[in-house]
Amino acid sequence: MVMLHKELTAEKDVYILDEPERSLGNEYINNVIVPLIKQRARAGKKLFISTHDANIAVRTLPYSSVYRWHRQDGYRTYVGNPFTNNLVSLDDVDDQLDWKSVSMRILEGGKEAFGERGTLYGND
């Protein structure tokens, strides 16, 4: 927790975070990590984040998402964003996935967790 906070408060042009949520509580992620990531992004810094945490993956509004899918014929890499709701294969522009569907499937808790949150806490 201390090292992650130190890393995000250091003045850099590029930040690389690999699952920054590991072993951290939701409150700390929500109240400290997400605001620091947003602050760095607003300052024009580049952030590369690998995560399965919905608070980080969705609430920081990624300009570009990279999704790596292992299929029978090997790996496929897709790039897209929530604004277009598309993930486009780097190998074939006609091979596209729905950003929202993929995100709901791979983020922590999956589609069911998102639905339960909406039911429990409302949709606003």
C-alpha atoms as a PDB file:
ATOM      1  CA  MET A   1       0.000   0.000   0.000  1.00  0.00           C
ATOM      2  CA  VAL A   2       2.811   2.388   0.920  1.00  0.00           C
ATOM      3  CA  MET A   3       4.825   1.596  -2.221  1.00  0.00           C
ATOM      4  CA  LEU A   4       1.822   2.023  -4.509  1.00  0.00           C
ATOM      5  CA  HIS A   5       0.949   5.381  -2.942  1.00  0.00           C
ATOM      6  CA  LYS A   6       4.581   6.467  -3.237  1.00  0.00           C
ATOM      7  CA  GLU A   7       4.694   5.390  -6.888  1.00  0.00           C
ATOM      8  CA  LEU A   8       1.513   7.279  -7.805  1.00  0.00           C
ATOM      9  CA  THR A   9       2.549  10.460  -5.996  1.00  0.00           C
ATOM     10  CA  ALA A  10       6.020  10.534  -7.582  1.00  0.00           C
ATOM     11  CA  GLU A  11       6.337  12.923 -10.525  1.00  0.00           C
ATOM     12  CA  LYS A  12       6.751  10.794 -13.673  1.00  0.00           C
ATOM     13  CA  ASP A  13       5.639  10.892 -17.280  1.00  0.00           C
ATOM     14  CA  VAL A  14       4.672   7.198 -17.402  1.00  0.00           C
ATOM     15  CA  TYR A  15       3.210   4.901 -14.738  1.00  0.00           C
ATOM     16  CA  ILE A  16       3.006   1.129 -15.130  1.00  0.00           C
ATOM     17  CA  LEU A  17       0.739  -0.613 -12.631  1.00  0.00           C
ATOM     18  CA  ASP A  18       0.272  -4.376 -12.583  1.00  0.00           C
ATOM     19  CA  GLU A  19      -2.844  -5.265 -10.589  1.00  0.00           C
ATOM     20  CA  PRO A  20      -2.506  -2.350  -8.165  1.00  0.00           C
ATOM     21  CA  GLU A  21      -5.552  -3.590  -6.241  1.00  0.00           C
ATOM     22  CA  ARG A  22      -3.872  -6.791  -5.015  1.00  0.00           C
ATOM     23  CA  SER A  23      -4.317  -7.207  -1.274  1.00  0.00           C
ATOM     24  CA  LEU A  24      -5.884  -3.769  -0.893  1.00  0.00           C
ATOM     25  CA  GLY A  25      -9.330  -3.083   0.490  1.00  0.00           C
ATOM     26  CA  ASN A  26     -12.082  -1.652  -1.662  1.00  0.00           C
ATOM     27  CA  GLU A  27     -12.250   1.528   0.425  1.00  0.00           C
ATOM     28  CA  TYR A  28      -8.557   2.278  -0.129  1.00  0.00           C
ATOM     29  CA  ILE A  29      -8.868   1.580  -3.855  1.00  0.00           C
ATOM     30  CA  ASN A  30     -11.976   3.780  -4.098  1.00  0.00           C
ATOM     31  CA  ASN A  31     -10.784   6.661  -1.920  1.00  0.00           C
ATOM     32  CA  VAL A  32      -7.059   6.773  -2.685  1.00  0.00           C
ATOM     33  CA  ILE A  33      -5.991   4.793  -5.761  1.00  0.00           C
ATOM     34  CA  VAL A  34      -8.775   5.735  -8.199  1.00  0.00           C
ATOM     35  CA  PRO A  35      -8.473   9.489  -7.426  1.00  0.00           C
ATOM     36  CA  LEU A  36      -4.673   9.342  -7.818  1.00  0.00           C
ATOM     37  CA  ILE A  37      -5.005   7.582 -11.184  1.00  0.00           C
ATOM     38  CA  LYS A  38      -7.557  10.172 -12.349  1.00  0.00           C
ATOM     39  CA  GLN A  39      -5.339  13.010 -11.123  1.00  0.00           C
ATOM     40  CA  ARG A  40      -2.349  11.665 -13.046  1.00  0.00           C
ATOM     41  CA  ALA A  41      -4.451  11.189 -16.202  1.00  0.00           C
ATOM     42  CA  ARG A  42      -5.819  14.756 -15.972  1.00  0.00           C
ATOM     43  CA  ALA A  43      -2.219  15.978 -15.691  1.00  0.00           C
ATOM     44  CA  GLY A  44      -1.504  14.375 -19.063  1.00  0.00           C
ATOM     45  CA  LYS A  45       0.515  11.456 -17.721  1.00  0.00           C
ATOM     46  CA  LYS A  46       0.437   8.054 -19.399  1.00  0.00           C
ATOM     47  CA  LEU A  47      -0.849   5.188 -17.284  1.00  0.00           C
ATOM     48  CA  PHE A  48      -0.670   1.523 -18.217  1.00  0.00           C
ATOM     49  CA  ILE A  49      -2.763  -0.575 -15.850  1.00  0.00           C
ATOM     50  CA  SER A  50      -3.348  -4.298 -15.812  1.00  0.00           C
ATOM     51  CA  THR A  51      -6.372  -5.031 -13.610  1.00  0.00           C
ATOM     52  CA  HIS A  52      -9.474  -7.111 -13.013  1.00  0.00           C
ATOM     53  CA  ASP A  53     -10.899  -4.573 -10.554  1.00  0.00           C
ATOM     54  CA  ALA A  54     -14.038  -2.856 -11.850  1.00  0.00           C
ATOM     55  CA  ASN A  55     -13.409   0.265  -9.777  1.00  0.00           C
ATOM     56  CA  ILE A  56     -10.121   0.818 -11.553  1.00  0.00           C
ATOM     57  CA  ALA A  57     -11.035  -0.520 -14.990  1.00  0.00           C
ATOM     58  CA  VAL A  58     -14.304   1.382 -15.372  1.00  0.00           C
ATOM     59  CA  ARG A  59     -14.181   4.387 -13.026  1.00  0.00           C
ATOM     60  CA  THR A  60     -10.907   5.717 -14.433  1.00  0.00           C
ATOM     61  CA  LEU A  61     -12.461   5.891 -17.939  1.00  0.00           C
ATOM     62  CA  PRO A  62      -9.739   4.256 -20.014  1.00  0.00           C
ATOM     63  CA  TYR A  63      -9.033   5.919 -23.347  1.00  0.00           C
ATOM     64  CA  SER A  64      -7.686   2.656 -24.649  1.00  0.00           C
ATOM     65  CA  SER A  65      -8.210  -0.906 -23.457  1.00  0.00           C
ATOM     66  CA  VAL A  66      -6.117  -3.867 -24.526  1.00  0.00           C
ATOM     67  CA  TYR A  67      -7.717  -7.286 -24.247  1.00  0.00           C
ATOM     68  CA  ARG A  68      -5.747 -10.459 -24.846  1.00  0.00           C
ATOM     69  CA  TRP A  69      -7.864 -13.530 -25.612  1.00  0.00           C
ATOM     70  CA  HIS A  70      -6.510 -17.059 -25.745  1.00  0.00           C
ATOM     71  CA  ARG A  71      -8.301 -19.051 -28.411  1.00  0.00           C
ATOM     72  CA  GLN A  72      -7.792 -22.501 -29.944  1.00  0.00           C
ATOM     73  CA  ASP A  73      -5.682 -21.020 -32.730  1.00  0.00           C
ATOM     74  CA  GLY A  74      -3.541 -18.914 -30.370  1.00  0.00           C
ATOM     75  CA  TYR A  75      -3.748 -15.499 -28.811  1.00  0.00           C
ATOM     76  CA  ARG A  76      -5.676 -12.588 -30.256  1.00  0.00           C
ATOM     77  CA  THR A  77      -5.078  -9.026 -29.125  1.00  0.00           C
ATOM     78  CA  TYR A  78      -7.866  -6.466 -29.273  1.00  0.00           C
ATOM     79  CA  VAL A  79      -7.748  -2.719 -28.699  1.00  0.00           C
ATOM     80  CA  GLY A  80     -10.694  -0.444 -28.054  1.00  0.00           C
ATOM     81  CA  ASN A  81     -12.450   1.738 -25.531  1.00  0.00           C
ATOM     82  CA  PRO A  82     -15.735   2.273 -23.716  1.00  0.00           C
ATOM     83  CA  PHE A  83     -16.587   5.329 -25.823  1.00  0.00           C
ATOM     84  CA  THR A  84     -16.938   3.340 -29.061  1.00  0.00           C
ATOM     85  CA  ASN A  85     -17.873   0.104 -27.236  1.00  0.00           C
ATOM     86  CA  ASN A  86     -15.593  -1.793 -29.626  1.00  0.00           C
ATOM     87  CA  LEU A  87     -12.541  -3.975 -29.241  1.00  0.00           C
ATOM     88  CA  VAL A  88     -10.860  -4.452 -32.627  1.00  0.00           C
ATOM     89  CA  SER A  89      -8.401  -7.257 -33.393  1.00  0.00           C
ATOM     90  CA  LEU A  90      -4.909  -6.095 -34.277  1.00  0.00           C
ATOM     91  CA  ASP A  91      -4.796  -8.882 -36.881  1.00  0.00           C
ATOM     92  CA  ASP A  92      -8.177  -8.340 -38.549  1.00  0.00           C
ATOM     93  CA  VAL A  93     -10.195  -5.116 -38.303  1.00  0.00           C
ATOM     94  CA  ASP A  94     -13.354  -7.058 -39.144  1.00  0.00           C
ATOM     95  CA  ASP A  95     -12.871  -9.173 -35.993  1.00  0.00           C
ATOM     96  CA  GLN A  96     -14.520  -7.001 -33.349  1.00  0.00           C
ATOM     97  CA  LEU A  97     -15.836  -7.612 -29.848  1.00  0.00           C
ATOM     98  CA  ASP A  98     -18.271  -5.653 -27.706  1.00  0.00           C
ATOM     99  CA  TRP A  99     -16.248  -3.722 -25.084  1.00  0.00           C
ATOM    100  CA  LYS A 100     -19.035  -3.743 -22.482  1.00  0.00           C
ATOM    101  CA  SER A 101     -19.724  -7.481 -22.810  1.00  0.00           C
ATOM    102  CA  VAL A 102     -16.045  -8.402 -22.538  1.00  0.00           C
ATOM    103  CA  SER A 103     -15.552  -6.066 -19.578  1.00  0.00           C
ATOM    104  CA  MET A 104     -18.570  -7.447 -17.737  1.00  0.00           C
ATOM    105  CA  ARG A 105     -17.264 -10.984 -18.291  1.00  0.00           C
ATOM    106  CA  ILE A 106     -13.642 -10.496 -17.215  1.00  0.00           C
ATOM    107  CA  LEU A 107     -13.856  -7.876 -14.485  1.00  0.00           C
ATOM    108  CA  GLU A 108     -14.047  -8.979 -10.874  1.00  0.00           C
ATOM    109  CA  GLY A 109     -17.416 -10.505 -10.068  1.00  0.00           C
ATOM    110  CA  GLY A 110     -18.596 -10.616 -13.666  1.00  0.00           C
ATOM    111  CA  LYS A 111     -21.993  -9.610 -15.010  1.00  0.00           C
ATOM    112  CA  GLU A 112     -23.834 -10.998 -11.998  1.00  0.00           C
ATOM    113  CA  ALA A 113     -21.914  -8.755  -9.612  1.00  0.00           C
ATOM    114  CA  PHE A 114     -22.670  -5.665 -11.717  1.00  0.00           C
ATOM    115  CA  GLY A 115     -26.369  -6.610 -11.783  1.00  0.00           C
ATOM    116  CA  GLU A 116     -26.475  -7.248  -8.040  1.00  0.00           C
ATOM    117  CA  ARG A 117     -24.821  -3.880  -7.349  1.00  0.00           C
ATOM    118  CA  GLY A 118     -27.436  -2.169  -9.493  1.00  0.00           C
ATOM    119  CA  THR A 119     -30.244  -3.941  -7.633  1.00  0.00           C
ATOM    120  CA  LEU A 120     -28.786  -3.273  -4.179  1.00  0.00           C
ATOM    121  CA  TYR A 121     -27.584   0.281  -4.669  1.00  0.00           C
ATOM    122  CA  GLY A 122     -29.778   1.604  -7.456  1.00  0.00           C
ATOM    123  CA  ASN A 123     -28.832   2.631 -10.920  1.00  0.00           C
ATOM    124  CA  ASP A 124     -27.739   6.199 -10.237  1.00  0.00           C
END
